[in-house]
C-alpha atoms as a PDB file:
ATOM      1  CA  MET A   1       0.033   0.049   0.003  1.00  0.00           C
ATOM      2  CA  ALA A   2       1.056   3.409  -0.783  1.00  0.00           C
ATOM      3  CA  ILE A   3      -0.055   6.787   0.340  1.00  0.00           C
ATOM      4  CA  LYS A   4      -0.448   9.856  -1.960  1.00  0.00           C
ATOM      5  CA  ILE A   5      -0.758  12.908   0.162  1.00  0.00           C
ATOM      6  CA  THR A   6      -0.974  16.629  -1.036  1.00  0.00           C
ATOM      7  CA  SER A   7      -1.749  19.674   0.534  1.00  0.00           C
ATOM      8  CA  TYR A   8      -5.630  20.570   0.933  1.00  0.00           C
ATOM      9  CA  VAL A   9      -6.684  23.172  -0.753  1.00  0.00           C
ATOM     10  CA  GLU A  10     -10.836  23.805  -0.645  1.00  0.00           C
ATOM     11  CA  LEU A  11     -12.519  23.774  -3.949  1.00  0.00           C
ATOM     12  CA  SER A  12     -16.018  24.039  -5.120  1.00  0.00           C
ATOM     13  CA  GLU A  13     -17.719  21.443  -6.990  1.00  0.00           C
ATOM     14  CA  GLU A  14     -16.939  23.032 -10.342  1.00  0.00           C
ATOM     15  CA  ALA A  15     -13.324  23.689  -9.464  1.00  0.00           C
ATOM     16  CA  LYS A  16     -12.759  19.553  -8.766  1.00  0.00           C
ATOM     17  CA  ALA A  17     -13.534  18.819 -11.949  1.00  0.00           C
ATOM     18  CA  GLU A  18     -10.683  20.641 -13.346  1.00  0.00           C
ATOM     19  CA  ASP A  19      -8.461  20.070 -10.203  1.00  0.00           C
ATOM     20  CA  PRO A  20      -5.546  17.275 -11.443  1.00  0.00           C
ATOM     21  CA  PHE A  21      -5.929  15.548  -7.733  1.00  0.00           C
ATOM     22  CA  TYR A  22      -9.730  14.595  -8.367  1.00  0.00           C
ATOM     23  CA  ALA A  23      -9.425  13.521 -12.127  1.00  0.00           C
ATOM     24  CA  GLU A  24      -6.696  11.311 -10.848  1.00  0.00           C
ATOM     25  CA  ILE A  25      -9.290   9.707  -8.314  1.00  0.00           C
ATOM     26  CA  ASN A  26     -12.056   9.647 -11.170  1.00  0.00           C
ATOM     27  CA  CYS A  27      -9.929   7.957 -13.361  1.00  0.00           C
ATOM     28  CA  LEU A  28      -8.447   5.565 -11.220  1.00  0.00           C
ATOM     29  CA  LYS A  29     -11.986   4.671  -9.951  1.00  0.00           C
ATOM     30  CA  GLU A  30     -12.908   3.954 -13.807  1.00  0.00           C
ATOM     31  CA  LEU A  31      -9.680   1.708 -14.635  1.00  0.00           C
ATOM     32  CA  ASP A  32      -9.414  -1.965 -13.747  1.00  0.00           C
ATOM     33  CA  HIS A  33      -5.688  -3.353 -15.411  1.00  0.00           C
ATOM     34  CA  PRO A  34      -3.119  -5.172 -13.754  1.00  0.00           C
ATOM     35  CA  ASN A  35      -0.589  -2.642 -14.708  1.00  0.00           C
ATOM     36  CA  ILE A  36      -2.185   0.526 -13.339  1.00  0.00           C
ATOM     37  CA  CYS A  37      -2.471   1.081  -9.339  1.00  0.00           C
ATOM     38  CA  LYS A  38      -5.639   0.071  -7.945  1.00  0.00           C
ATOM     39  CA  LEU A  39      -6.934   2.590  -5.963  1.00  0.00           C
ATOM     40  CA  HIS A  40      -8.277   1.760  -2.410  1.00  0.00           C
ATOM     41  CA  GLY A  41      -9.381   5.119  -0.934  1.00  0.00           C
ATOM     42  CA  HIS A  42      -8.917   8.681  -1.108  1.00  0.00           C
ATOM     43  CA  ASN A  43     -10.020  11.519   1.238  1.00  0.00           C
ATOM     44  CA  GLY A  44     -10.243  15.003   0.117  1.00  0.00           C
ATOM     45  CA  GLN A  45     -10.037  16.411   3.563  1.00  0.00           C
ATOM     46  CA  ALA A  46      -7.873  15.203   6.471  1.00  0.00           C
ATOM     47  CA  VAL A  47      -5.202  16.449   9.229  1.00  0.00           C
ATOM     48  CA  ALA A  48      -2.001  14.986   9.481  1.00  0.00           C
ATOM     49  CA  THR A  49       0.487  16.024  11.914  1.00  0.00           C
ATOM     50  CA  THR A  50       4.137  17.061  10.668  1.00  0.00           C
ATOM     51  CA  ALA A  51       7.874  15.935  12.077  1.00  0.00           C
ATOM     52  CA  GLU A  52       7.692  19.327  14.200  1.00  0.00           C
ATOM     53  CA  GLY A  53       4.295  18.302  15.774  1.00  0.00           C
ATOM     54  CA  LYS A  54       2.406  21.233  13.610  1.00  0.00           C
ATOM     55  CA  LYS A  55      -1.217  19.894  12.218  1.00  0.00           C
ATOM     56  CA  VAL A  56      -1.960  20.386   8.407  1.00  0.00           C
ATOM     57  CA  GLU A  57      -4.791  19.714   6.170  1.00  0.00           C
ATOM     58  CA  VAL A  58      -4.188  17.573   3.872  1.00  0.00           C
ATOM     59  CA  SER A  59      -5.992  15.525   0.819  1.00  0.00           C
ATOM     60  CA  TYR A  60      -4.805  11.819   0.473  1.00  0.00           C
ATOM     61  CA  MET A  61      -5.346   8.580  -1.559  1.00  0.00           C
ATOM     62  CA  ALA A  62      -4.478   5.110  -0.857  1.00  0.00           C
ATOM     63  CA  LEU A  63      -3.056   2.972  -3.996  1.00  0.00           C
ATOM     64  CA  ASP A  64      -1.427  -0.358  -4.634  1.00  0.00           C
ATOM     65  CA  TYR A  65       2.470  -0.117  -4.183  1.00  0.00           C
ATOM     66  CA  ALA A  66       4.581   0.146  -7.180  1.00  0.00           C
ATOM     67  CA  GLN A  67       7.399  -2.090  -6.264  1.00  0.00           C
ATOM     68  CA  GLU A  68       9.642  -1.432  -9.475  1.00  0.00           C
ATOM     69  CA  GLY A  69       8.925   2.410  -9.600  1.00  0.00           C
ATOM     70  CA  GLU A  70       7.170   4.970 -11.902  1.00  0.00           C
ATOM     71  CA  LEU A  71       6.490   4.224 -15.533  1.00  0.00           C
ATOM     72  CA  PHE A  72       7.797   7.610 -16.328  1.00  0.00           C
ATOM     73  CA  ASP A  73      11.390   6.335 -14.754  1.00  0.00           C
ATOM     74  CA  TRP A  74      11.617   3.328 -17.003  1.00  0.00           C
ATOM     75  CA  VAL A  75      10.909   4.737 -20.342  1.00  0.00           C
ATOM     76  CA  SER A  76      13.439   7.805 -19.379  1.00  0.00           C
ATOM     77  CA  LEU A  77      15.935   4.909 -18.986  1.00  0.00           C
ATOM     78  CA  LEU A  78      15.162   2.981 -21.975  1.00  0.00           C
ATOM     79  CA  ILE A  79      14.273   5.809 -24.688  1.00  0.00           C
ATOM     80  CA  THR A  80      16.494   8.526 -25.805  1.00  0.00           C
ATOM     81  CA  LEU A  81      14.881  11.294 -28.295  1.00  0.00           C
ATOM     82  CA  ASN A  82      16.808  13.953 -29.914  1.00  0.00           C
ATOM     83  CA  TYR A  83      15.492  17.501 -30.426  1.00  0.00           C
ATOM     84  CA  SER A  84      14.230  17.115 -33.757  1.00  0.00           C
ATOM     85  CA  SER A  85      12.273  13.903 -33.075  1.00  0.00           C
ATOM     86  CA  ILE A  86      10.291  15.920 -30.383  1.00  0.00           C
ATOM     87  CA  ARG A  87      10.194  19.819 -31.572  1.00  0.00           C
ATOM     88  CA  ILE A  88       6.675  20.890 -32.793  1.00  0.00           C
END
């Protein structure tokens, strides 16, 4: 299990539709594939305590743990693109 934590920001329902945190939650709810981390739960507003003892508001997701790391890291190791092939 892995916990993804972000700073809490109060958003209207309209703003949640545009927010990347909530977009990721909505995508993960819909996806069911062995190569995609499964979303086990989420909370849009919670309280966490920092190492210094300060309480902060956070949002979090509980996901499968990706033991081998992120796909981006693997792709960047395996594929090298030159400037002329990626420029628009």
